[in-house]
Amino acid sequence: MSNKDHILMVEVFDQDGTTFTLREICERGECHAEFVIKLVDYGIIAPLEDSPEARQWHFDVAALSRLRKAQRLQRDLKMNLPGLAMSLELLDEVEEMRREVARLNHRVRQLMGE
């Protein structure tokens, strides 16, 4: 990567605390409830509160974003659910490492007086 290359990282923030029911997240994600339930079963997304009944689940904006990312991976790479879970976990780790590298680079620049 050259000095002119930049990595753009976007984080989803919802200051209003918007939540979605199972039905609403399915509508916004354009998917069936069975798919969302399977994603929850595999730990790919999680409802805000643990409830035994799926129809009582509520999801936040981050879960909707993750649902869409899972859909893209499944569509584009033909991944199965275990593959989705592993891939998203690895992508989360890469994102965390990038944030740490950016933080450390910033700290080095501060120490060097730049």
PDB file of N, CA and C in Angstrom:
ATOM      1  N   MET A   1       0.839  -1.166   0.000  1.00  0.00           N
ATOM      2  CA  MET A   1       0.000   0.000   0.000  1.00  0.00           C
ATOM      3  C   MET A   1       0.891   1.239   0.000  1.00  0.00           C
ATOM      4  N   SER A   2       0.670   2.168  -0.909  1.00  0.00           N
ATOM      5  CA  SER A   2       1.483   3.378  -0.987  1.00  0.00           C
ATOM      6  C   SER A   2       0.982   4.418   0.007  1.00  0.00           C
ATOM      7  N   ASN A   3       1.738   5.504   0.120  1.00  0.00           N
ATOM      8  CA  ASN A   3       1.344   6.578   1.026  1.00  0.00           C
ATOM      9  C   ASN A   3       0.044   7.244   0.609  1.00  0.00           C
ATOM     10  N   LYS A   4      -0.312   7.102  -0.658  1.00  0.00           N
ATOM     11  CA  LYS A   4      -1.529   7.736  -1.160  1.00  0.00           C
ATOM     12  C   LYS A   4      -2.768   6.858  -0.945  1.00  0.00           C
ATOM     13  N   ASP A   5      -2.567   5.597  -0.632  1.00  0.00           N
ATOM     14  CA  ASP A   5      -3.693   4.706  -0.389  1.00  0.00           C
ATOM     15  C   ASP A   5      -4.254   4.964   0.997  1.00  0.00           C
ATOM     16  N   HIS A   6      -5.556   4.921   1.080  1.00  0.00           N
ATOM     17  CA  HIS A   6      -6.218   5.124   2.360  1.00  0.00           C
ATOM     18  C   HIS A   6      -7.268   4.047   2.542  1.00  0.00           C
ATOM     19  N   ILE A   7      -7.466   3.670   3.778  1.00  0.00           N
ATOM     20  CA  ILE A   7      -8.511   2.720   4.106  1.00  0.00           C
ATOM     21  C   ILE A   7      -9.638   3.495   4.761  1.00  0.00           C
ATOM     22  N   LEU A   8     -10.824   3.370   4.228  1.00  0.00           N
ATOM     23  CA  LEU A   8     -11.987   4.031   4.785  1.00  0.00           C
ATOM     24  C   LEU A   8     -12.763   3.016   5.605  1.00  0.00           C
ATOM     25  N   MET A   9     -12.925   3.313   6.876  1.00  0.00           N
ATOM     26  CA  MET A   9     -13.703   2.443   7.739  1.00  0.00           C
ATOM     27  C   MET A   9     -14.959   3.199   8.161  1.00  0.00           C
ATOM     28  N   VAL A  10     -16.085   2.534   8.078  1.00  0.00           N
ATOM     29  CA  VAL A  10     -17.360   3.139   8.439  1.00  0.00           C
ATOM     30  C   VAL A  10     -17.967   2.317   9.561  1.00  0.00           C
ATOM     31  N   GLU A  11     -18.370   3.012  10.612  1.00  0.00           N
ATOM     32  CA  GLU A  11     -19.052   2.339  11.702  1.00  0.00           C
ATOM     33  C   GLU A  11     -20.487   2.837  11.747  1.00  0.00           C
ATOM     34  N   VAL A  12     -21.391   1.940  12.095  1.00  0.00           N
ATOM     35  CA  VAL A  12     -22.799   2.294  12.148  1.00  0.00           C
ATOM     36  C   VAL A  12     -23.135   2.718  13.572  1.00  0.00           C
ATOM     37  N   PHE A  13     -23.611   3.938  13.698  1.00  0.00           N
ATOM     38  CA  PHE A  13     -24.042   4.433  14.994  1.00  0.00           C
ATOM     39  C   PHE A  13     -25.508   4.810  14.898  1.00  0.00           C
ATOM     40  N   ASP A  14     -26.231   4.516  15.929  1.00  0.00           N
ATOM     41  CA  ASP A  14     -27.640   4.881  15.986  1.00  0.00           C
ATOM     42  C   ASP A  14     -27.891   5.536  17.326  1.00  0.00           C
ATOM     43  N   GLN A  15     -27.821   6.840  17.344  1.00  0.00           N
ATOM     44  CA  GLN A  15     -27.973   7.561  18.595  1.00  0.00           C
ATOM     45  C   GLN A  15     -29.410   7.557  19.090  1.00  0.00           C
ATOM     46  N   ASP A  16     -30.355   7.273  18.197  1.00  0.00           N
ATOM     47  CA  ASP A  16     -31.760   7.245  18.591  1.00  0.00           C
ATOM     48  C   ASP A  16     -32.142   5.931  19.255  1.00  0.00           C
ATOM     49  N   GLY A  17     -31.298   4.914  19.113  1.00  0.00           N
ATOM     50  CA  GLY A  17     -31.604   3.616  19.700  1.00  0.00           C
ATOM     51  C   GLY A  17     -32.696   2.870  18.958  1.00  0.00           C
ATOM     52  N   THR A  18     -32.752   3.049  17.659  1.00  0.00           N
ATOM     53  CA  THR A  18     -33.761   2.387  16.841  1.00  0.00           C
ATOM     54  C   THR A  18     -33.633   0.880  16.962  1.00  0.00           C
ATOM     55  N   THR A  19     -34.757   0.222  17.142  1.00  0.00           N
ATOM     56  CA  THR A  19     -34.773  -1.241  17.176  1.00  0.00           C
ATOM     57  C   THR A  19     -35.795  -1.754  16.170  1.00  0.00           C
ATOM     58  N   PHE A  20     -35.598  -3.010  15.783  1.00  0.00           N
ATOM     59  CA  PHE A  20     -36.462  -3.642  14.802  1.00  0.00           C
ATOM     60  C   PHE A  20     -36.967  -4.968  15.349  1.00  0.00           C
ATOM     61  N   THR A  21     -38.234  -5.247  15.122  1.00  0.00           N
ATOM     62  CA  THR A  21     -38.767  -6.563  15.452  1.00  0.00           C
ATOM     63  C   THR A  21     -38.254  -7.550  14.407  1.00  0.00           C
ATOM     64  N   LEU A  22     -38.511  -8.818  14.614  1.00  0.00           N
ATOM     65  CA  LEU A  22     -38.120  -9.825  13.631  1.00  0.00           C
ATOM     66  C   LEU A  22     -38.746  -9.503  12.279  1.00  0.00           C
ATOM     67  N   ARG A  23     -39.991  -9.141  12.289  1.00  0.00           N
ATOM     68  CA  ARG A  23     -40.684  -8.814  11.034  1.00  0.00           C
ATOM     69  C   ARG A  23     -40.045  -7.607  10.349  1.00  0.00           C
ATOM     70  N   GLU A  24     -39.735  -6.575  11.135  1.00  0.00           N
ATOM     71  CA  GLU A  24     -39.159  -5.360  10.564  1.00  0.00           C
ATOM     72  C   GLU A  24     -37.757  -5.593  10.001  1.00  0.00           C
ATOM     73  N   ILE A  25     -36.953  -6.371  10.712  1.00  0.00           N
ATOM     74  CA  ILE A  25     -35.597  -6.624  10.203  1.00  0.00           C
ATOM     75  C   ILE A  25     -35.664  -7.472   8.930  1.00  0.00           C
ATOM     76  N   CYS A  26     -36.658  -8.354   8.854  1.00  0.00           N
ATOM     77  CA  CYS A  26     -36.849  -9.142   7.633  1.00  0.00           C
ATOM     78  C   CYS A  26     -37.277  -8.247   6.465  1.00  0.00           C
ATOM     79  N   GLU A  27     -38.161  -7.294   6.740  1.00  0.00           N
ATOM     80  CA  GLU A  27     -38.597  -6.372   5.694  1.00  0.00           C
ATOM     81  C   GLU A  27     -37.439  -5.523   5.203  1.00  0.00           C
ATOM     82  N   ARG A  28     -36.656  -4.977   6.131  1.00  0.00           N
ATOM     83  CA  ARG A  28     -35.545  -4.109   5.739  1.00  0.00           C
ATOM     84  C   ARG A  28     -34.408  -4.901   5.091  1.00  0.00           C
ATOM     85  N   GLY A  29     -34.240  -6.134   5.520  1.00  0.00           N
ATOM     86  CA  GLY A  29     -33.198  -6.975   4.944  1.00  0.00           C
ATOM     87  C   GLY A  29     -33.664  -7.763   3.738  1.00  0.00           C
ATOM     88  N   GLU A  30     -34.948  -7.659   3.436  1.00  0.00           N
ATOM     89  CA  GLU A  30     -35.555  -8.373   2.314  1.00  0.00           C
ATOM     90  C   GLU A  30     -35.230  -9.863   2.363  1.00  0.00           C
ATOM     91  N   CYS A  31     -35.549 -10.470   3.518  1.00  0.00           N
ATOM     92  CA  CYS A  31     -35.288 -11.903   3.693  1.00  0.00           C
ATOM     93  C   CYS A  31     -36.414 -12.532   4.516  1.00  0.00           C
ATOM     94  N   HIS A  32     -36.399 -13.836   4.582  1.00  0.00           N
ATOM     95  CA  HIS A  32     -37.394 -14.577   5.348  1.00  0.00           C
ATOM     96  C   HIS A  32     -36.966 -14.689   6.799  1.00  0.00           C
ATOM     97  N   ALA A  33     -37.940 -14.825   7.664  1.00  0.00           N
ATOM     98  CA  ALA A  33     -37.672 -14.960   9.097  1.00  0.00           C
ATOM     99  C   ALA A  33     -36.805 -16.178   9.384  1.00  0.00           C
ATOM    100  N   GLU A  34     -36.982 -17.238   8.619  1.00  0.00           N
ATOM    101  CA  GLU A  34     -36.187 -18.450   8.832  1.00  0.00           C
ATOM    102  C   GLU A  34     -34.690 -18.165   8.675  1.00  0.00           C
ATOM    103  N   PHE A  35     -34.347 -17.296   7.727  1.00  0.00           N
ATOM    104  CA  PHE A  35     -32.949 -16.942   7.508  1.00  0.00           C
ATOM    105  C   PHE A  35     -32.403 -16.190   8.717  1.00  0.00           C
ATOM    106  N   VAL A  36     -33.161 -15.234   9.219  1.00  0.00           N
ATOM    107  CA  VAL A  36     -32.731 -14.467  10.399  1.00  0.00           C
ATOM    108  C   VAL A  36     -32.586 -15.397  11.604  1.00  0.00           C
ATOM    109  N   ILE A  37     -33.511 -16.305  11.777  1.00  0.00           N
ATOM    110  CA  ILE A  37     -33.450 -17.254  12.900  1.00  0.00           C
ATOM    111  C   ILE A  37     -32.199 -18.112  12.796  1.00  0.00           C
ATOM    112  N   LYS A  38     -31.863 -18.551  11.589  1.00  0.00           N
ATOM    113  CA  LYS A  38     -30.637 -19.341  11.397  1.00  0.00           C
ATOM    114  C   LYS A  38     -29.393 -18.502  11.701  1.00  0.00           C
ATOM    115  N   LEU A  39     -29.399 -17.224  11.301  1.00  0.00           N
ATOM    116  CA  LEU A  39     -28.264 -16.358  11.617  1.00  0.00           C
ATOM    117  C   LEU A  39     -28.100 -16.211  13.130  1.00  0.00           C
ATOM    118  N   VAL A  40     -29.194 -16.104  13.832  1.00  0.00           N
ATOM    119  CA  VAL A  40     -29.140 -16.027  15.298  1.00  0.00           C
ATOM    120  C   VAL A  40     -28.616 -17.343  15.864  1.00  0.00           C
ATOM    121  N   ASP A  41     -29.095 -18.456  15.351  1.00  0.00           N
ATOM    122  CA  ASP A  41     -28.648 -19.778  15.822  1.00  0.00           C
ATOM    123  C   ASP A  41     -27.143 -19.962  15.656  1.00  0.00           C
ATOM    124  N   TYR A  42     -26.582 -19.408  14.577  1.00  0.00           N
ATOM    125  CA  TYR A  42     -25.148 -19.535  14.313  1.00  0.00           C
ATOM    126  C   TYR A  42     -24.326 -18.419  14.957  1.00  0.00           C
ATOM    127  N   GLY A  43     -24.988 -17.513  15.667  1.00  0.00           N
ATOM    128  CA  GLY A  43     -24.281 -16.434  16.345  1.00  0.00           C
ATOM    129  C   GLY A  43     -23.810 -15.332  15.420  1.00  0.00           C
ATOM    130  N   ILE A  44     -24.375 -15.271  14.233  1.00  0.00           N
ATOM    131  CA  ILE A  44     -23.972 -14.259  13.260  1.00  0.00           C
ATOM    132  C   ILE A  44     -24.566 -12.904  13.635  1.00  0.00           C
ATOM    133  N   ILE A  45     -25.813 -12.899  14.047  1.00  0.00           N
ATOM    134  CA  ILE A  45     -26.437 -11.714  14.619  1.00  0.00           C
ATOM    135  C   ILE A  45     -27.084 -12.128  15.931  1.00  0.00           C
ATOM    136  N   ALA A  46     -27.414 -11.147  16.749  1.00  0.00           N
ATOM    137  CA  ALA A  46     -28.017 -11.461  18.042  1.00  0.00           C
ATOM    138  C   ALA A  46     -29.116 -10.454  18.354  1.00  0.00           C
ATOM    139  N   PRO A  47     -30.224 -10.938  18.896  1.00  0.00           N
ATOM    140  CA  PRO A  47     -31.252 -10.003  19.357  1.00  0.00           C
ATOM    141  C   PRO A  47     -30.729  -9.237  20.571  1.00  0.00           C
ATOM    142  N   LEU A  48     -31.314  -8.099  20.837  1.00  0.00           N
ATOM    143  CA  LEU A  48     -30.866  -7.272  21.958  1.00  0.00           C
ATOM    144  C   LEU A  48     -31.076  -7.972  23.305  1.00  0.00           C
ATOM    145  N   GLU A  49     -32.179  -8.663  23.429  1.00  0.00           N
ATOM    146  CA  GLU A  49     -32.473  -9.386  24.670  1.00  0.00           C
ATOM    147  C   GLU A  49     -32.715 -10.847  24.336  1.00  0.00           C
ATOM    148  N   ASP A  50     -32.258 -11.709  25.221  1.00  0.00           N
ATOM    149  CA  ASP A  50     -32.436 -13.139  25.009  1.00  0.00           C
ATOM    150  C   ASP A  50     -33.875 -13.523  25.326  1.00  0.00           C
ATOM    151  N   SER A  51     -34.561 -14.013  24.327  1.00  0.00           N
ATOM    152  CA  SER A  51     -35.945 -14.440  24.481  1.00  0.00           C
ATOM    153  C   SER A  51     -36.114 -15.769  23.758  1.00  0.00           C
ATOM    154  N   PRO A  52     -36.827 -16.715  24.375  1.00  0.00           N
ATOM    155  CA  PRO A  52     -36.995 -18.015  23.716  1.00  0.00           C
ATOM    156  C   PRO A  52     -37.868 -17.951  22.459  1.00  0.00           C
ATOM    157  N   GLU A  53     -38.723 -16.939  22.365  1.00  0.00           N
ATOM    158  CA  GLU A  53     -39.608 -16.834  21.208  1.00  0.00           C
ATOM    159  C   GLU A  53     -39.075 -15.807  20.217  1.00  0.00           C
ATOM    160  N   ALA A  54     -38.870 -16.231  18.995  1.00  0.00           N
ATOM    161  CA  ALA A  54     -38.314 -15.364  17.958  1.00  0.00           C
ATOM    162  C   ALA A  54     -39.195 -14.142  17.706  1.00  0.00           C
ATOM    163  N   ARG A  55     -40.488 -14.299  17.830  1.00  0.00           N
ATOM    164  CA  ARG A  55     -41.365 -13.159  17.523  1.00  0.00           C
ATOM    165  C   ARG A  55     -41.247 -12.039  18.556  1.00  0.00           C
ATOM    166  N   GLN A  56     -40.570 -12.306  19.672  1.00  0.00           N
ATOM    167  CA  GLN A  56     -40.352 -11.275  20.688  1.00  0.00           C
ATOM    168  C   GLN A  56     -38.975 -10.613  20.564  1.00  0.00           C
ATOM    169  N   TRP A  57     -38.179 -11.064  19.612  1.00  0.00           N
ATOM    170  CA  TRP A  57     -36.840 -10.511  19.447  1.00  0.00           C
ATOM    171  C   TRP A  57     -36.896  -9.074  18.928  1.00  0.00           C
ATOM    172  N   HIS A  58     -35.894  -8.309  19.342  1.00  0.00           N
ATOM    173  CA  HIS A  58     -35.662  -6.968  18.814  1.00  0.00           C
ATOM    174  C   HIS A  58     -34.189  -6.866  18.449  1.00  0.00           C
ATOM    175  N   PHE A  59     -33.913  -6.186  17.338  1.00  0.00           N
ATOM    176  CA  PHE A  59     -32.551  -6.054  16.825  1.00  0.00           C
ATOM    177  C   PHE A  59     -32.207  -4.581  16.685  1.00  0.00           C
ATOM    178  N   ASP A  60     -30.923  -4.268  16.780  1.00  0.00           N
ATOM    179  CA  ASP A  60     -30.481  -2.896  16.598  1.00  0.00           C
ATOM    180  C   ASP A  60     -29.980  -2.683  15.165  1.00  0.00           C
ATOM    181  N   VAL A  61     -29.553  -1.472  14.881  1.00  0.00           N
ATOM    182  CA  VAL A  61     -29.086  -1.117  13.543  1.00  0.00           C
ATOM    183  C   VAL A  61     -27.833  -1.914  13.172  1.00  0.00           C
ATOM    184  N   ALA A  62     -26.969  -2.183  14.138  1.00  0.00           N
ATOM    185  CA  ALA A  62     -25.759  -2.967  13.867  1.00  0.00           C
ATOM    186  C   ALA A  62     -26.122  -4.380  13.400  1.00  0.00           C
ATOM    187  N   ALA A  63     -27.168  -4.967  13.971  1.00  0.00           N
ATOM    188  CA  ALA A  63     -27.603  -6.298  13.548  1.00  0.00           C
ATOM    189  C   ALA A  63     -28.117  -6.266  12.114  1.00  0.00           C
ATOM    190  N   LEU A  64     -28.834  -5.208  11.764  1.00  0.00           N
ATOM    191  CA  LEU A  64     -29.314  -5.070  10.385  1.00  0.00           C
ATOM    192  C   LEU A  64     -28.136  -4.930   9.426  1.00  0.00           C
ATOM    193  N   SER A  65     -27.148  -4.156   9.801  1.00  0.00           N
ATOM    194  CA  SER A  65     -25.955  -4.000   8.968  1.00  0.00           C
ATOM    195  C   SER A  65     -25.240  -5.328   8.784  1.00  0.00           C
ATOM    196  N   ARG A  66     -25.126  -6.096   9.858  1.00  0.00           N
ATOM    197  CA  ARG A  66     -24.470  -7.405   9.805  1.00  0.00           C
ATOM    198  C   ARG A  66     -25.284  -8.396   8.971  1.00  0.00           C
ATOM    199  N   LEU A  67     -26.593  -8.318   9.076  1.00  0.00           N
ATOM    200  CA  LEU A  67     -27.479  -9.155   8.262  1.00  0.00           C
ATOM    201  C   LEU A  67     -27.213  -8.898   6.781  1.00  0.00           C
ATOM    202  N   ARG A  68     -27.128  -7.635   6.409  1.00  0.00           N
ATOM    203  CA  ARG A  68     -26.881  -7.296   5.007  1.00  0.00           C
ATOM    204  C   ARG A  68     -25.502  -7.761   4.551  1.00  0.00           C
ATOM    205  N   LYS A  69     -24.522  -7.655   5.430  1.00  0.00           N
ATOM    206  CA  LYS A  69     -23.176  -8.126   5.087  1.00  0.00           C
ATOM    207  C   LYS A  69     -23.207  -9.638   4.882  1.00  0.00           C
ATOM    208  N   ALA A  70     -23.919 -10.356   5.741  1.00  0.00           N
ATOM    209  CA  ALA A  70     -24.041 -11.808   5.606  1.00  0.00           C
ATOM    210  C   ALA A  70     -24.735 -12.169   4.293  1.00  0.00           C
ATOM    211  N   GLN A  71     -25.751 -11.408   3.935  1.00  0.00           N
ATOM    212  CA  GLN A  71     -26.449 -11.667   2.672  1.00  0.00           C
ATOM    213  C   GLN A  71     -25.523 -11.477   1.475  1.00  0.00           C
ATOM    214  N   ARG A  72     -24.716 -10.415   1.510  1.00  0.00           N
ATOM    215  CA  ARG A  72     -23.783 -10.180   0.394  1.00  0.00           C
ATOM    216  C   ARG A  72     -22.767 -11.308   0.285  1.00  0.00           C
ATOM    217  N   LEU A  73     -22.225 -11.743   1.425  1.00  0.00           N
ATOM    218  CA  LEU A  73     -21.258 -12.843   1.398  1.00  0.00           C
ATOM    219  C   LEU A  73     -21.893 -14.117   0.866  1.00  0.00           C
ATOM    220  N   GLN A  74     -23.096 -14.390   1.307  1.00  0.00           N
ATOM    221  CA  GLN A  74     -23.778 -15.600   0.850  1.00  0.00           C
ATOM    222  C   GLN A  74     -24.094 -15.521  -0.638  1.00  0.00           C
ATOM    223  N   ARG A  75     -24.551 -14.372  -1.079  1.00  0.00           N
ATOM    224  CA  ARG A  75     -24.900 -14.194  -2.489  1.00  0.00           C
ATOM    225  C   ARG A  75     -23.659 -14.217  -3.383  1.00  0.00           C
ATOM    226  N   ASP A  76     -22.648 -13.432  -3.016  1.00  0.00           N
ATOM    227  CA  ASP A  76     -21.483 -13.267  -3.878  1.00  0.00           C
ATOM    228  C   ASP A  76     -20.515 -14.447  -3.825  1.00  0.00           C
ATOM    229  N   LEU A  77     -20.369 -15.048  -2.652  1.00  0.00           N
ATOM    230  CA  LEU A  77     -19.388 -16.125  -2.487  1.00  0.00           C
ATOM    231  C   LEU A  77     -20.022 -17.495  -2.276  1.00  0.00           C
ATOM    232  N   LYS A  78     -21.349 -17.537  -2.296  1.00  0.00           N
ATOM    233  CA  LYS A  78     -22.076 -18.804  -2.135  1.00  0.00           C
ATOM    234  C   LYS A  78     -21.682 -19.522  -0.831  1.00  0.00           C
ATOM    235  N   MET A  79     -21.571 -18.769   0.252  1.00  0.00           N
ATOM    236  CA  MET A  79     -21.145 -19.344   1.534  1.00  0.00           C
ATOM    237  C   MET A  79     -22.320 -19.977   2.270  1.00  0.00           C
ATOM    238  N   ASN A  80     -22.011 -21.043   2.992  1.00  0.00           N
ATOM    239  CA  ASN A  80     -23.012 -21.639   3.864  1.00  0.00           C
ATOM    240  C   ASN A  80     -22.959 -20.918   5.217  1.00  0.00           C
ATOM    241  N   LEU A  81     -23.872 -21.255   6.121  1.00  0.00           N
ATOM    242  CA  LEU A  81     -23.959 -20.534   7.395  1.00  0.00           C
ATOM    243  C   LEU A  81     -22.708 -20.662   8.264  1.00  0.00           C
ATOM    244  N   PRO A  82     -22.117 -21.858   8.404  1.00  0.00           N
ATOM    245  CA  PRO A  82     -20.872 -21.919   9.182  1.00  0.00           C
ATOM    246  C   PRO A  82     -19.765 -21.071   8.552  1.00  0.00           C
ATOM    247  N   GLY A  83     -19.701 -21.052   7.224  1.00  0.00           N
ATOM    248  CA  GLY A  83     -18.718 -20.231   6.534  1.00  0.00           C
ATOM    249  C   GLY A  83     -18.968 -18.748   6.753  1.00  0.00           C
ATOM    250  N   LEU A  84     -20.249 -18.363   6.757  1.00  0.00           N
ATOM    251  CA  LEU A  84     -20.596 -16.974   7.039  1.00  0.00           C
ATOM    252  C   LEU A  84     -20.149 -16.575   8.442  1.00  0.00           C
ATOM    253  N   ALA A  85     -20.441 -17.433   9.400  1.00  0.00           N
ATOM    254  CA  ALA A  85     -20.077 -17.132  10.793  1.00  0.00           C
ATOM    255  C   ALA A  85     -18.571 -16.944  10.924  1.00  0.00           C
ATOM    256  N   MET A  86     -17.806 -17.850  10.346  1.00  0.00           N
ATOM    257  CA  MET A  86     -16.346 -17.772  10.435  1.00  0.00           C
ATOM    258  C   MET A  86     -15.811 -16.543   9.697  1.00  0.00           C
ATOM    259  N   SER A  87     -16.327 -16.289   8.500  1.00  0.00           N
ATOM    260  CA  SER A  87     -15.875 -15.146   7.713  1.00  0.00           C
ATOM    261  C   SER A  87     -16.159 -13.826   8.407  1.00  0.00           C
ATOM    262  N   LEU A  88     -17.355 -13.689   8.963  1.00  0.00           N
ATOM    263  CA  LEU A  88     -17.697 -12.444   9.640  1.00  0.00           C
ATOM    264  C   LEU A  88     -16.864 -12.258  10.902  1.00  0.00           C
ATOM    265  N   GLU A  89     -16.579 -13.340  11.593  1.00  0.00           N
ATOM    266  CA  GLU A  89     -15.718 -13.253  12.774  1.00  0.00           C
ATOM    267  C   GLU A  89     -14.317 -12.779  12.374  1.00  0.00           C
ATOM    268  N   LEU A  90     -13.789 -13.346  11.288  1.00  0.00           N
ATOM    269  CA  LEU A  90     -12.468 -12.931  10.810  1.00  0.00           C
ATOM    270  C   LEU A  90     -12.476 -11.485  10.315  1.00  0.00           C
ATOM    271  N   LEU A  91     -13.529 -11.084   9.630  1.00  0.00           N
ATOM    272  CA  LEU A  91     -13.642  -9.693   9.185  1.00  0.00           C
ATOM    273  C   LEU A  91     -13.700  -8.733  10.372  1.00  0.00           C
ATOM    274  N   ASP A  92     -14.385  -9.143  11.443  1.00  0.00           N
ATOM    275  CA  ASP A  92     -14.421  -8.330  12.658  1.00  0.00           C
ATOM    276  C   ASP A  92     -13.030  -8.175  13.257  1.00  0.00           C
ATOM    277  N   GLU A  93     -12.265  -9.263  13.267  1.00  0.00           N
ATOM    278  CA  GLU A  93     -10.906  -9.212  13.800  1.00  0.00           C
ATOM    279  C   GLU A  93     -10.016  -8.308  12.950  1.00  0.00           C
ATOM    280  N   VAL A  94     -10.145  -8.388  11.630  1.00  0.00           N
ATOM    281  CA  VAL A  94      -9.361  -7.532  10.740  1.00  0.00           C
ATOM    282  C   VAL A  94      -9.712  -6.062  11.001  1.00  0.00           C
ATOM    283  N   GLU A  95     -10.985  -5.772  11.137  1.00  0.00           N
ATOM    284  CA  GLU A  95     -11.423  -4.405  11.401  1.00  0.00           C
ATOM    285  C   GLU A  95     -10.856  -3.893  12.727  1.00  0.00           C
ATOM    286  N   GLU A  96     -10.885  -4.738  13.735  1.00  0.00           N
ATOM    287  CA  GLU A  96     -10.337  -4.367  15.043  1.00  0.00           C
ATOM    288  C   GLU A  96      -8.829  -4.099  14.943  1.00  0.00           C
ATOM    289  N   MET A  97      -8.122  -4.929  14.196  1.00  0.00           N
ATOM    290  CA  MET A  97      -6.676  -4.734  14.015  1.00  0.00           C
ATOM    291  C   MET A  97      -6.383  -3.446  13.251  1.00  0.00           C
ATOM    292  N   ARG A  98      -7.189  -3.140  12.254  1.00  0.00           N
ATOM    293  CA  ARG A  98      -6.991  -1.895  11.502  1.00  0.00           C
ATOM    294  C   ARG A  98      -7.179  -0.678  12.401  1.00  0.00           C
ATOM    295  N   ARG A  99      -8.187  -0.739  13.259  1.00  0.00           N
ATOM    296  CA  ARG A  99      -8.396   0.365  14.198  1.00  0.00           C
ATOM    297  C   ARG A  99      -7.209   0.516  15.137  1.00  0.00           C
ATOM    298  N   GLU A 100      -6.674  -0.600  15.600  1.00  0.00           N
ATOM    299  CA  GLU A 100      -5.525  -0.566  16.496  1.00  0.00           C
ATOM    300  C   GLU A 100      -4.293  -0.008  15.785  1.00  0.00           C
ATOM    301  N   VAL A 101      -4.058  -0.421  14.545  1.00  0.00           N
ATOM    302  CA  VAL A 101      -2.924   0.095  13.773  1.00  0.00           C
ATOM    303  C   VAL A 101      -3.090   1.596  13.562  1.00  0.00           C
ATOM    304  N   ALA A 102      -4.278   2.047  13.235  1.00  0.00           N
ATOM    305  CA  ALA A 102      -4.520   3.474  13.041  1.00  0.00           C
ATOM    306  C   ALA A 102      -4.274   4.240  14.338  1.00  0.00           C
ATOM    307  N   ARG A 103      -4.710   3.688  15.452  1.00  0.00           N
ATOM    308  CA  ARG A 103      -4.496   4.328  16.746  1.00  0.00           C
ATOM    309  C   ARG A 103      -3.010   4.416  17.059  1.00  0.00           C
ATOM    310  N   LEU A 104      -2.282   3.329  16.815  1.00  0.00           N
ATOM    311  CA  LEU A 104      -0.848   3.309  17.082  1.00  0.00           C
ATOM    312  C   LEU A 104      -0.095   4.261  16.148  1.00  0.00           C
ATOM    313  N   ASN A 105      -0.481   4.306  14.873  1.00  0.00           N
ATOM    314  CA  ASN A 105       0.136   5.243  13.938  1.00  0.00           C
ATOM    315  C   ASN A 105      -0.088   6.687  14.386  1.00  0.00           C
ATOM    316  N   HIS A 106      -1.266   6.972  14.837  1.00  0.00           N
ATOM    317  CA  HIS A 106      -1.583   8.305  15.339  1.00  0.00           C
ATOM    318  C   HIS A 106      -0.709   8.639  16.546  1.00  0.00           C
ATOM    319  N   ARG A 107      -0.558   7.682  17.425  1.00  0.00           N
ATOM    320  CA  ARG A 107       0.259   7.879  18.634  1.00  0.00           C
ATOM    321  C   ARG A 107       1.737   8.098  18.254  1.00  0.00           C
ATOM    322  N   VAL A 108       2.251   7.344  17.296  1.00  0.00           N
ATOM    323  CA  VAL A 108       3.626   7.505  16.847  1.00  0.00           C
ATOM    324  C   VAL A 108       3.824   8.900  16.268  1.00  0.00           C
ATOM    325  N   ARG A 109       2.865   9.358  15.446  1.00  0.00           N
ATOM    326  CA  ARG A 109       2.961  10.702  14.871  1.00  0.00           C
ATOM    327  C   ARG A 109       2.962  11.770  15.965  1.00  0.00           C
ATOM    328  N   GLN A 110       2.170  11.562  16.994  1.00  0.00           N
ATOM    329  CA  GLN A 110       2.155  12.507  18.117  1.00  0.00           C
ATOM    330  C   GLN A 110       3.509  12.538  18.803  1.00  0.00           C
ATOM    331  N   LEU A 111       4.084  11.393  19.045  1.00  0.00           N
ATOM    332  CA  LEU A 111       5.362  11.307  19.738  1.00  0.00           C
ATOM    333  C   LEU A 111       6.505  11.892  18.918  1.00  0.00           C
ATOM    334  N   MET A 112       6.375  11.793  17.595  1.00  0.00           N
ATOM    335  CA  MET A 112       7.421  12.323  16.713  1.00  0.00           C
ATOM    336  C   MET A 112       7.226  13.813  16.423  1.00  0.00           C
ATOM    337  N   GLY A 113       6.144  14.378  16.931  1.00  0.00           N
ATOM    338  CA  GLY A 113       5.893  15.803  16.772  1.00  0.00           C
ATOM    339  C   GLY A 113       5.342  16.207  15.442  1.00  0.00           C
ATOM    340  N   GLU A 114       4.675  15.302  14.768  1.00  0.00           N
ATOM    341  CA  GLU A 114       4.084  15.623  13.458  1.00  0.00           C
ATOM    342  C   GLU A 114       2.698  16.185  13.613  1.00  0.00           C
TER     343      GLU A 114
END
